[in-house]
Every structure is written in structure tokens, then in C-alpha cells.
Amino acid sequence: MFFAMFFDANLMIIIGIFLISAGRLNSWAIASVIISGAFLEQLTWFGVGRLMKKSSLLSRWATKVMGKYDVHLMNRSVRSLLLTKFIYGTHRATLLRYGMLDIALSKFAKSSAVAVVFWLGAMVIFGFAFSLSYLALKTYLKYAEFGLLAIVVIFFSAQYFVSKSLKKEL
């Protein structure tokens, strides 16, 4: 779960919270994995951005693409980091760009810590809400599974019969 935090942290947090609420995992162990994984992920991608700064081609391309946002990143770093955690596909690019800019590691770490705390709070709330709704509806889910199976069977049957009738007309 720790290494998965580097690639899809949202999903890992929701799964972890779900398993905690179901009584399958120790809450302190999962909390430590989630918190350390979230902070280390931020610092790792920031460090990769620092390494990418040395490549003139990548640095020029990133400046061309994201240069207009650099002022926003430098002046509103907490807001930028927090928003990109919720906008799919922008978070790691933003972390890489922070690494390419000449932002002090201490300033980045402070901004990152604040953003991660707020993000983790929101994800824990979502995780508990999803797990509670699942626990409340789990007896009805078997009927939903049969309903989905029926929809799939009806769809493929209809597709088969429609294509068969269209082939006859051709």
C-alpha cells in the first residue's frame, strides 16, 4: 500500500479506510502508511523535478507549457498543491514543475504539509462515507449484481438479434 501511494493515492486511501471500517486492518498501521506515503510521494516527485531541471530540453518544454502558471505556483503554493490533488492528471506535473523552479525545499515542504493534511482529511471523510454506505447497502448489492448481469445479457442478446436481422436485409 505504501508504494501504491506514489501512483494512485486516492484509491489507496479509500480502500484503506474501507478495510479499517470493516475491521480488517489496524487503523494505526494504515494511518502511518498513508501519511508517510503521502508526504514521501510529494517529496519524491519534487526531487524528480529538481533532476529534470538539469535537462535543458525538458526544462524549456516545461517552461513553455507551464510558464504562465509559475507565478501562481510560487505565490499561492498551498492552494495550488491542494487543488491539483483533486484535479486528475495535474498533481504530479505540478510537483515536477515545483522541483524545476527555484523554490526552497523548506518552503515547498511547509506548503506541501498543509495541502496534504487538508487532502487527507477530505479523503478520510470520503472513505468513511463510502464504507458506511456500503455497510448499509450490502444486503441489497446482490440484487444490483443480478440487475447488472441482466442488463449485460439483454444488451448482448439485443446486439446479436439486431445484427442478425440487419445481415438478412443486406
N, C-alpha and C. Protein backbone atom coordinates (compact mmCIF):
# COMPACT_ATOMS: atom_id res chain seq x y z
N MET A 1 0.82 -1.19 0.00
CA MET A 1 0.00 0.00 0.00
C MET A 1 0.87 1.26 0.00
N PHE A 2 2.02 1.17 0.67
CA PHE A 2 2.91 2.33 0.75
C PHE A 2 3.37 2.76 -0.65
N PHE A 3 3.83 1.81 -1.46
CA PHE A 3 4.33 2.16 -2.79
C PHE A 3 3.19 2.54 -3.74
N ALA A 4 2.01 1.99 -3.50
CA ALA A 4 0.86 2.35 -4.32
C ALA A 4 0.46 3.80 -4.11
N MET A 5 0.81 4.37 -2.96
CA MET A 5 0.51 5.78 -2.69
C MET A 5 1.21 6.70 -3.69
N PHE A 6 2.28 6.25 -4.29
CA PHE A 6 3.01 7.06 -5.26
C PHE A 6 2.27 7.16 -6.59
N PHE A 7 1.35 6.25 -6.85
CA PHE A 7 0.71 6.21 -8.16
C PHE A 7 -0.78 6.51 -8.13
N ASP A 8 -1.50 5.99 -7.15
CA ASP A 8 -2.93 6.30 -7.04
C ASP A 8 -3.31 6.36 -5.57
N ALA A 9 -2.98 7.45 -4.96
CA ALA A 9 -3.18 7.61 -3.52
C ALA A 9 -4.66 7.68 -3.15
N ASN A 10 -5.46 8.32 -3.97
CA ASN A 10 -6.89 8.45 -3.66
C ASN A 10 -7.53 7.08 -3.48
N LEU A 11 -7.28 6.19 -4.41
CA LEU A 11 -7.85 4.86 -4.34
C LEU A 11 -7.32 4.10 -3.13
N MET A 12 -6.04 4.22 -2.85
CA MET A 12 -5.47 3.51 -1.72
C MET A 12 -6.04 4.00 -0.39
N ILE A 13 -6.28 5.29 -0.29
CA ILE A 13 -6.85 5.82 0.95
C ILE A 13 -8.28 5.31 1.14
N ILE A 14 -9.07 5.34 0.09
CA ILE A 14 -10.45 4.88 0.20
C ILE A 14 -10.49 3.38 0.52
N ILE A 15 -9.62 2.60 -0.11
CA ILE A 15 -9.57 1.16 0.20
C ILE A 15 -9.12 0.95 1.64
N GLY A 16 -8.09 1.68 2.06
CA GLY A 16 -7.60 1.54 3.44
C GLY A 16 -8.66 1.89 4.47
N ILE A 17 -9.36 2.99 4.26
CA ILE A 17 -10.42 3.40 5.19
C ILE A 17 -11.57 2.38 5.17
N PHE A 18 -11.89 1.88 4.00
CA PHE A 18 -12.94 0.86 3.92
C PHE A 18 -12.55 -0.38 4.72
N LEU A 19 -11.31 -0.84 4.57
CA LEU A 19 -10.87 -2.02 5.30
C LEU A 19 -10.77 -1.77 6.81
N ILE A 20 -10.43 -0.54 7.20
CA ILE A 20 -10.42 -0.20 8.62
C ILE A 20 -11.83 -0.25 9.19
N SER A 21 -12.78 0.35 8.48
CA SER A 21 -14.15 0.38 8.99
C SER A 21 -14.79 -1.01 8.98
N ALA A 22 -14.30 -1.90 8.11
CA ALA A 22 -14.80 -3.27 8.10
C ALA A 22 -14.11 -4.12 9.16
N GLY A 23 -13.12 -3.55 9.84
CA GLY A 23 -12.41 -4.29 10.89
C GLY A 23 -11.35 -5.24 10.38
N ARG A 24 -10.92 -5.07 9.15
CA ARG A 24 -9.94 -5.97 8.55
C ARG A 24 -8.49 -5.54 8.79
N LEU A 25 -8.27 -4.24 9.00
CA LEU A 25 -6.91 -3.73 9.17
C LEU A 25 -6.80 -2.88 10.42
N ASN A 26 -5.58 -2.79 10.92
CA ASN A 26 -5.28 -1.96 12.08
C ASN A 26 -5.25 -0.50 11.64
N SER A 27 -6.04 0.34 12.31
CA SER A 27 -6.16 1.73 11.89
C SER A 27 -4.86 2.51 12.06
N TRP A 28 -4.09 2.23 13.11
CA TRP A 28 -2.83 2.98 13.32
C TRP A 28 -1.80 2.60 12.26
N ALA A 29 -1.75 1.33 11.89
CA ALA A 29 -0.79 0.90 10.87
C ALA A 29 -1.12 1.52 9.52
N ILE A 30 -2.39 1.49 9.15
CA ILE A 30 -2.80 2.06 7.86
C ILE A 30 -2.60 3.58 7.87
N ALA A 31 -2.92 4.23 8.98
CA ALA A 31 -2.74 5.68 9.07
C ALA A 31 -1.27 6.05 8.90
N SER A 32 -0.38 5.30 9.51
CA SER A 32 1.05 5.62 9.36
C SER A 32 1.52 5.38 7.93
N VAL A 33 1.02 4.33 7.28
CA VAL A 33 1.40 4.06 5.89
C VAL A 33 0.87 5.16 4.98
N ILE A 34 -0.37 5.55 5.18
CA ILE A 34 -0.98 6.56 4.33
C ILE A 34 -0.29 7.91 4.50
N ILE A 35 -0.05 8.31 5.73
CA ILE A 35 0.57 9.63 5.99
C ILE A 35 2.00 9.66 5.47
N SER A 36 2.79 8.64 5.79
CA SER A 36 4.17 8.64 5.32
C SER A 36 4.24 8.53 3.80
N GLY A 37 3.36 7.71 3.21
CA GLY A 37 3.34 7.59 1.75
C GLY A 37 2.96 8.89 1.07
N ALA A 38 2.00 9.61 1.64
CA ALA A 38 1.57 10.88 1.03
C ALA A 38 2.69 11.92 1.07
N PHE A 39 3.36 12.05 2.21
CA PHE A 39 4.43 13.04 2.30
C PHE A 39 5.64 12.65 1.46
N LEU A 40 5.99 11.38 1.48
CA LEU A 40 7.15 10.94 0.71
C LEU A 40 6.89 11.04 -0.80
N GLU A 41 5.64 10.81 -1.20
CA GLU A 41 5.29 10.96 -2.62
C GLU A 41 5.51 12.39 -3.08
N GLN A 42 5.08 13.35 -2.28
CA GLN A 42 5.27 14.76 -2.61
C GLN A 42 6.76 15.08 -2.77
N LEU A 43 7.55 14.66 -1.80
CA LEU A 43 8.98 14.98 -1.83
C LEU A 43 9.70 14.26 -2.97
N THR A 44 9.28 13.04 -3.27
CA THR A 44 9.92 12.29 -4.36
C THR A 44 9.70 12.95 -5.71
N TRP A 45 8.45 13.30 -6.01
CA TRP A 45 8.17 13.95 -7.30
C TRP A 45 8.82 15.33 -7.37
N PHE A 46 8.91 16.03 -6.25
CA PHE A 46 9.63 17.30 -6.21
C PHE A 46 11.11 17.09 -6.55
N GLY A 47 11.69 16.04 -5.97
CA GLY A 47 13.09 15.71 -6.25
C GLY A 47 13.32 15.32 -7.70
N VAL A 48 12.38 14.58 -8.29
CA VAL A 48 12.50 14.23 -9.70
C VAL A 48 12.45 15.49 -10.56
N GLY A 49 11.61 16.44 -10.15
CA GLY A 49 11.57 17.72 -10.86
C GLY A 49 12.89 18.47 -10.78
N ARG A 50 13.56 18.40 -9.63
CA ARG A 50 14.88 19.02 -9.50
C ARG A 50 15.88 18.38 -10.45
N LEU A 51 15.80 17.06 -10.60
CA LEU A 51 16.70 16.37 -11.53
C LEU A 51 16.36 16.73 -12.97
N MET A 52 15.08 16.88 -13.27
CA MET A 52 14.67 17.22 -14.64
C MET A 52 15.09 18.63 -15.02
N LYS A 53 15.29 19.49 -14.04
CA LYS A 53 15.69 20.88 -14.31
C LYS A 53 17.04 20.91 -15.03
N LYS A 54 17.85 19.90 -14.78
CA LYS A 54 19.18 19.86 -15.39
C LYS A 54 19.12 19.56 -16.89
N SER A 55 18.04 18.96 -17.34
CA SER A 55 17.86 18.68 -18.76
C SER A 55 17.31 19.94 -19.43
N SER A 56 18.08 20.51 -20.31
CA SER A 56 17.66 21.77 -20.92
C SER A 56 16.43 21.58 -21.80
N LEU A 57 16.33 20.46 -22.48
CA LEU A 57 15.18 20.21 -23.34
C LEU A 57 13.89 20.11 -22.52
N LEU A 58 13.91 19.32 -21.46
CA LEU A 58 12.72 19.18 -20.62
C LEU A 58 12.38 20.49 -19.91
N SER A 59 13.39 21.19 -19.47
CA SER A 59 13.17 22.44 -18.77
C SER A 59 12.55 23.49 -19.69
N ARG A 60 13.04 23.58 -20.92
CA ARG A 60 12.47 24.53 -21.88
C ARG A 60 11.03 24.17 -22.22
N TRP A 61 10.76 22.88 -22.42
CA TRP A 61 9.42 22.44 -22.74
C TRP A 61 8.46 22.74 -21.58
N ALA A 62 8.88 22.44 -20.36
CA ALA A 62 8.03 22.70 -19.19
C ALA A 62 7.79 24.19 -19.01
N THR A 63 8.78 25.00 -19.27
CA THR A 63 8.61 26.45 -19.16
C THR A 63 7.65 26.95 -20.22
N LYS A 64 7.73 26.39 -21.41
CA LYS A 64 6.82 26.79 -22.48
C LYS A 64 5.38 26.41 -22.15
N VAL A 65 5.18 25.20 -21.62
CA VAL A 65 3.84 24.71 -21.34
C VAL A 65 3.26 25.30 -20.07
N MET A 66 4.05 25.35 -19.00
CA MET A 66 3.53 25.75 -17.69
C MET A 66 4.07 27.09 -17.19
N GLY A 67 4.85 27.76 -18.00
CA GLY A 67 5.47 29.01 -17.55
C GLY A 67 4.49 30.06 -17.08
N LYS A 68 3.33 30.12 -17.71
CA LYS A 68 2.35 31.14 -17.33
C LYS A 68 1.75 30.88 -15.96
N TYR A 69 1.88 29.66 -15.45
CA TYR A 69 1.35 29.33 -14.13
C TYR A 69 2.39 29.44 -13.02
N ASP A 70 3.63 29.71 -13.37
CA ASP A 70 4.70 29.73 -12.38
C ASP A 70 4.47 30.76 -11.28
N VAL A 71 3.95 31.93 -11.63
CA VAL A 71 3.69 32.96 -10.62
C VAL A 71 2.64 32.45 -9.63
N HIS A 72 1.62 31.81 -10.15
CA HIS A 72 0.58 31.25 -9.28
C HIS A 72 1.17 30.16 -8.38
N LEU A 73 2.02 29.31 -8.94
CA LEU A 73 2.63 28.25 -8.15
C LEU A 73 3.52 28.81 -7.04
N MET A 74 4.24 29.86 -7.34
CA MET A 74 5.16 30.41 -6.35
C MET A 74 4.44 31.24 -5.29
N ASN A 75 3.40 31.97 -5.66
CA ASN A 75 2.73 32.86 -4.71
C ASN A 75 1.60 32.19 -3.95
N ARG A 76 0.99 31.20 -4.54
CA ARG A 76 -0.14 30.51 -3.90
C ARG A 76 0.13 29.01 -3.86
N SER A 77 1.20 28.64 -3.24
CA SER A 77 1.64 27.25 -3.33
C SER A 77 0.71 26.28 -2.61
N VAL A 78 0.18 26.64 -1.45
CA VAL A 78 -0.73 25.73 -0.74
C VAL A 78 -1.99 25.49 -1.57
N ARG A 79 -2.56 26.56 -2.07
CA ARG A 79 -3.77 26.44 -2.89
C ARG A 79 -3.49 25.62 -4.14
N SER A 80 -2.36 25.86 -4.78
CA SER A 80 -2.02 25.12 -5.99
C SER A 80 -1.86 23.63 -5.70
N LEU A 81 -1.13 23.32 -4.64
CA LEU A 81 -0.92 21.91 -4.32
C LEU A 81 -2.21 21.23 -3.91
N LEU A 82 -3.05 21.92 -3.18
CA LEU A 82 -4.31 21.33 -2.75
C LEU A 82 -5.26 21.11 -3.92
N LEU A 83 -5.39 22.09 -4.79
CA LEU A 83 -6.29 21.94 -5.94
C LEU A 83 -5.84 20.83 -6.88
N THR A 84 -4.53 20.73 -7.09
CA THR A 84 -4.06 19.71 -8.03
C THR A 84 -4.20 18.30 -7.46
N LYS A 85 -4.34 18.16 -6.15
CA LYS A 85 -4.60 16.84 -5.58
C LYS A 85 -5.97 16.32 -6.01
N PHE A 86 -6.89 17.23 -6.30
CA PHE A 86 -8.25 16.85 -6.66
C PHE A 86 -8.52 16.91 -8.16
N ILE A 87 -7.59 17.46 -8.93
CA ILE A 87 -7.77 17.55 -10.39
C ILE A 87 -6.90 16.47 -11.02
N TYR A 88 -7.55 15.48 -11.57
CA TYR A 88 -6.84 14.31 -12.08
C TYR A 88 -5.85 14.69 -13.18
N GLY A 89 -4.66 14.17 -13.06
CA GLY A 89 -3.64 14.34 -14.08
C GLY A 89 -2.77 15.58 -13.94
N THR A 90 -3.05 16.43 -12.97
CA THR A 90 -2.27 17.65 -12.83
C THR A 90 -1.31 17.64 -11.64
N HIS A 91 -1.54 16.75 -10.70
CA HIS A 91 -0.78 16.80 -9.45
C HIS A 91 0.71 16.52 -9.65
N ARG A 92 1.02 15.42 -10.29
CA ARG A 92 2.43 15.07 -10.44
C ARG A 92 3.16 16.04 -11.37
N ALA A 93 2.46 16.54 -12.37
CA ALA A 93 3.07 17.56 -13.23
C ALA A 93 3.39 18.82 -12.44
N THR A 94 2.49 19.18 -11.54
CA THR A 94 2.73 20.36 -10.70
C THR A 94 3.89 20.13 -9.76
N LEU A 95 3.98 18.94 -9.17
CA LEU A 95 5.11 18.63 -8.30
C LEU A 95 6.43 18.67 -9.06
N LEU A 96 6.42 18.13 -10.28
CA LEU A 96 7.63 18.18 -11.10
C LEU A 96 8.01 19.63 -11.41
N ARG A 97 7.01 20.46 -11.71
CA ARG A 97 7.29 21.87 -12.01
C ARG A 97 7.83 22.59 -10.78
N TYR A 98 7.27 22.31 -9.61
CA TYR A 98 7.82 22.89 -8.38
C TYR A 98 9.28 22.54 -8.22
N GLY A 99 9.62 21.30 -8.55
CA GLY A 99 11.03 20.89 -8.46
C GLY A 99 11.91 21.62 -9.46
N MET A 100 11.36 21.93 -10.63
CA MET A 100 12.14 22.65 -11.64
C MET A 100 12.35 24.12 -11.29
N LEU A 101 11.40 24.69 -10.57
CA LEU A 101 11.54 26.09 -10.16
C LEU A 101 12.53 26.18 -9.00
N ASP A 102 13.04 27.34 -8.78
CA ASP A 102 14.00 27.52 -7.69
C ASP A 102 13.27 27.84 -6.38
N ILE A 103 12.42 26.93 -5.96
CA ILE A 103 11.71 27.08 -4.70
C ILE A 103 12.48 26.29 -3.65
N ALA A 104 12.69 26.90 -2.50
CA ALA A 104 13.42 26.23 -1.43
C ALA A 104 12.65 25.00 -0.96
N LEU A 105 13.40 23.97 -0.63
CA LEU A 105 12.77 22.74 -0.16
C LEU A 105 11.95 22.99 1.10
N SER A 106 12.42 23.86 1.98
CA SER A 106 11.67 24.13 3.22
C SER A 106 10.32 24.79 2.92
N LYS A 107 10.29 25.73 1.97
CA LYS A 107 9.03 26.38 1.60
C LYS A 107 8.08 25.37 0.97
N PHE A 108 8.62 24.54 0.09
CA PHE A 108 7.80 23.51 -0.54
C PHE A 108 7.27 22.53 0.50
N ALA A 109 8.12 22.10 1.43
CA ALA A 109 7.70 21.12 2.44
C ALA A 109 6.59 21.68 3.32
N LYS A 110 6.67 22.96 3.69
CA LYS A 110 5.61 23.57 4.51
C LYS A 110 4.30 23.63 3.74
N SER A 111 4.36 24.11 2.52
CA SER A 111 3.15 24.19 1.70
C SER A 111 2.57 22.80 1.43
N SER A 112 3.45 21.87 1.16
CA SER A 112 3.02 20.51 0.89
C SER A 112 2.37 19.88 2.12
N ALA A 113 2.93 20.12 3.28
CA ALA A 113 2.38 19.55 4.51
C ALA A 113 0.95 20.05 4.75
N VAL A 114 0.74 21.34 4.58
CA VAL A 114 -0.60 21.90 4.78
C VAL A 114 -1.58 21.31 3.77
N ALA A 115 -1.18 21.25 2.51
CA ALA A 115 -2.06 20.72 1.47
C ALA A 115 -2.36 19.24 1.71
N VAL A 116 -1.36 18.48 2.10
CA VAL A 116 -1.56 17.05 2.33
C VAL A 116 -2.49 16.81 3.52
N VAL A 117 -2.37 17.61 4.57
CA VAL A 117 -3.24 17.44 5.73
C VAL A 117 -4.70 17.68 5.34
N PHE A 118 -4.97 18.74 4.61
CA PHE A 118 -6.34 19.02 4.17
C PHE A 118 -6.85 17.94 3.22
N TRP A 119 -6.00 17.51 2.30
CA TRP A 119 -6.38 16.47 1.35
C TRP A 119 -6.66 15.15 2.06
N LEU A 120 -5.79 14.78 3.00
CA LEU A 120 -6.01 13.54 3.73
C LEU A 120 -7.31 13.60 4.53
N GLY A 121 -7.59 14.75 5.12
CA GLY A 121 -8.84 14.90 5.86
C GLY A 121 -10.05 14.69 4.96
N ALA A 122 -10.02 15.28 3.78
CA ALA A 122 -11.14 15.11 2.84
C ALA A 122 -11.25 13.66 2.38
N MET A 123 -10.13 13.02 2.11
CA MET A 123 -10.17 11.64 1.63
C MET A 123 -10.63 10.69 2.73
N VAL A 124 -10.27 10.94 3.97
CA VAL A 124 -10.73 10.10 5.08
C VAL A 124 -12.24 10.23 5.23
N ILE A 125 -12.75 11.44 5.12
CA ILE A 125 -14.20 11.65 5.19
C ILE A 125 -14.89 10.91 4.05
N PHE A 126 -14.37 11.03 2.82
CA PHE A 126 -14.95 10.30 1.69
C PHE A 126 -14.88 8.79 1.92
N GLY A 127 -13.75 8.32 2.39
CA GLY A 127 -13.57 6.89 2.63
C GLY A 127 -14.57 6.35 3.64
N PHE A 128 -14.74 7.05 4.76
CA PHE A 128 -15.71 6.59 5.75
C PHE A 128 -17.14 6.69 5.22
N ALA A 129 -17.42 7.72 4.46
CA ALA A 129 -18.77 7.85 3.90
C ALA A 129 -19.06 6.69 2.93
N PHE A 130 -18.10 6.35 2.08
CA PHE A 130 -18.30 5.24 1.16
C PHE A 130 -18.43 3.92 1.90
N SER A 131 -17.61 3.72 2.91
CA SER A 131 -17.67 2.45 3.63
C SER A 131 -18.97 2.34 4.42
N LEU A 132 -19.45 3.43 5.00
CA LEU A 132 -20.71 3.37 5.74
C LEU A 132 -21.88 3.11 4.80
N SER A 133 -21.84 3.73 3.61
CA SER A 133 -22.93 3.48 2.67
C SER A 133 -22.88 2.04 2.17
N TYR A 134 -21.69 1.49 2.00
CA TYR A 134 -21.58 0.09 1.59
C TYR A 134 -22.13 -0.83 2.68
N LEU A 135 -21.74 -0.58 3.92
CA LEU A 135 -22.21 -1.42 5.02
C LEU A 135 -23.72 -1.36 5.16
N ALA A 136 -24.30 -0.21 4.88
CA ALA A 136 -25.75 -0.07 4.98
C ALA A 136 -26.47 -0.75 3.82
N LEU A 137 -25.83 -0.81 2.67
CA LEU A 137 -26.49 -1.34 1.46
C LEU A 137 -26.00 -2.70 1.01
N LYS A 138 -25.13 -3.34 1.78
CA LYS A 138 -24.52 -4.58 1.28
C LYS A 138 -25.52 -5.70 1.06
N THR A 139 -26.62 -5.72 1.80
CA THR A 139 -27.62 -6.78 1.58
C THR A 139 -28.34 -6.59 0.25
N TYR A 140 -28.41 -5.34 -0.21
CA TYR A 140 -29.11 -5.07 -1.47
C TYR A 140 -28.18 -5.15 -2.68
N LEU A 141 -26.88 -5.23 -2.45
CA LEU A 141 -25.94 -5.24 -3.57
C LEU A 141 -26.04 -6.52 -4.40
N LYS A 142 -26.41 -7.63 -3.78
CA LYS A 142 -26.53 -8.86 -4.57
C LYS A 142 -27.63 -8.71 -5.63
N TYR A 143 -28.68 -7.95 -5.30
CA TYR A 143 -29.74 -7.71 -6.29
C TYR A 143 -29.23 -6.78 -7.39
N ALA A 144 -28.40 -5.84 -7.02
CA ALA A 144 -27.81 -4.95 -8.03
C ALA A 144 -26.89 -5.74 -8.96
N GLU A 145 -26.17 -6.71 -8.42
CA GLU A 145 -25.30 -7.54 -9.25
C GLU A 145 -26.13 -8.35 -10.25
N PHE A 146 -27.25 -8.89 -9.80
CA PHE A 146 -28.13 -9.62 -10.72
C PHE A 146 -28.71 -8.67 -11.76
N GLY A 147 -29.02 -7.45 -11.34
CA GLY A 147 -29.53 -6.46 -12.28
C GLY A 147 -28.50 -6.11 -13.35
N LEU A 148 -27.26 -5.93 -12.94
CA LEU A 148 -26.20 -5.65 -13.91
C LEU A 148 -25.99 -6.83 -14.85
N LEU A 149 -26.03 -8.03 -14.31
CA LEU A 149 -25.91 -9.22 -15.16
C LEU A 149 -27.04 -9.28 -16.18
N ALA A 150 -28.26 -8.98 -15.74
CA ALA A 150 -29.41 -8.99 -16.65
C ALA A 150 -29.23 -7.94 -17.74
N ILE A 151 -28.74 -6.76 -17.39
CA ILE A 151 -28.52 -5.70 -18.39
C ILE A 151 -27.49 -6.15 -19.42
N VAL A 152 -26.42 -6.78 -18.97
CA VAL A 152 -25.38 -7.24 -19.90
C VAL A 152 -25.94 -8.31 -20.83
N VAL A 153 -26.70 -9.26 -20.28
CA VAL A 153 -27.28 -10.32 -21.10
C VAL A 153 -28.26 -9.73 -22.11
N ILE A 154 -29.09 -8.80 -21.67
CA ILE A 154 -30.06 -8.17 -22.58
C ILE A 154 -29.32 -7.40 -23.68
N PHE A 155 -28.27 -6.69 -23.33
CA PHE A 155 -27.51 -5.90 -24.31
C PHE A 155 -26.91 -6.81 -25.38
N PHE A 156 -26.21 -7.87 -24.96
CA PHE A 156 -25.58 -8.74 -25.94
C PHE A 156 -26.60 -9.52 -26.75
N SER A 157 -27.72 -9.89 -26.15
CA SER A 157 -28.78 -10.57 -26.89
C SER A 157 -29.38 -9.63 -27.95
N ALA A 158 -29.65 -8.41 -27.55
CA ALA A 158 -30.20 -7.43 -28.49
C ALA A 158 -29.20 -7.16 -29.62
N GLN A 159 -27.94 -7.04 -29.28
CA GLN A 159 -26.92 -6.81 -30.30
C GLN A 159 -26.87 -7.99 -31.28
N TYR A 160 -26.95 -9.19 -30.77
CA TYR A 160 -26.91 -10.38 -31.62
C TYR A 160 -28.11 -10.41 -32.56
N PHE A 161 -29.32 -10.19 -32.02
CA PHE A 161 -30.52 -10.27 -32.85
C PHE A 161 -30.61 -9.12 -33.85
N VAL A 162 -30.19 -7.93 -33.47
CA VAL A 162 -30.21 -6.80 -34.39
C VAL A 162 -29.21 -7.02 -35.52
N SER A 163 -28.00 -7.48 -35.18
CA SER A 163 -27.01 -7.71 -36.24
C SER A 163 -27.44 -8.85 -37.16
N LYS A 164 -28.13 -9.86 -36.62
CA LYS A 164 -28.62 -10.97 -37.44
C LYS A 164 -29.70 -10.50 -38.41
N SER A 165 -30.60 -9.64 -37.90
CA SER A 165 -31.67 -9.14 -38.77
C SER A 165 -31.12 -8.17 -39.81
N LEU A 166 -30.12 -7.38 -39.45
CA LEU A 166 -29.52 -6.47 -40.44
C LEU A 166 -28.75 -7.22 -41.51
N LYS A 167 -28.13 -8.33 -41.14
CA LYS A 167 -27.41 -9.13 -42.14
C LYS A 167 -28.38 -9.76 -43.13
N LYS A 168 -29.57 -10.12 -42.67
CA LYS A 168 -30.57 -10.69 -43.58
C LYS A 168 -31.03 -9.67 -44.60
N GLU A 169 -31.14 -8.40 -44.16
CA GLU A 169 -31.60 -7.35 -45.06
C GLU A 169 -30.54 -7.00 -46.11
N LEU A 170 -29.28 -7.18 -45.77
CA LEU A 170 -28.21 -6.86 -46.71
C LEU A 170 -28.09 -7.98 -47.70
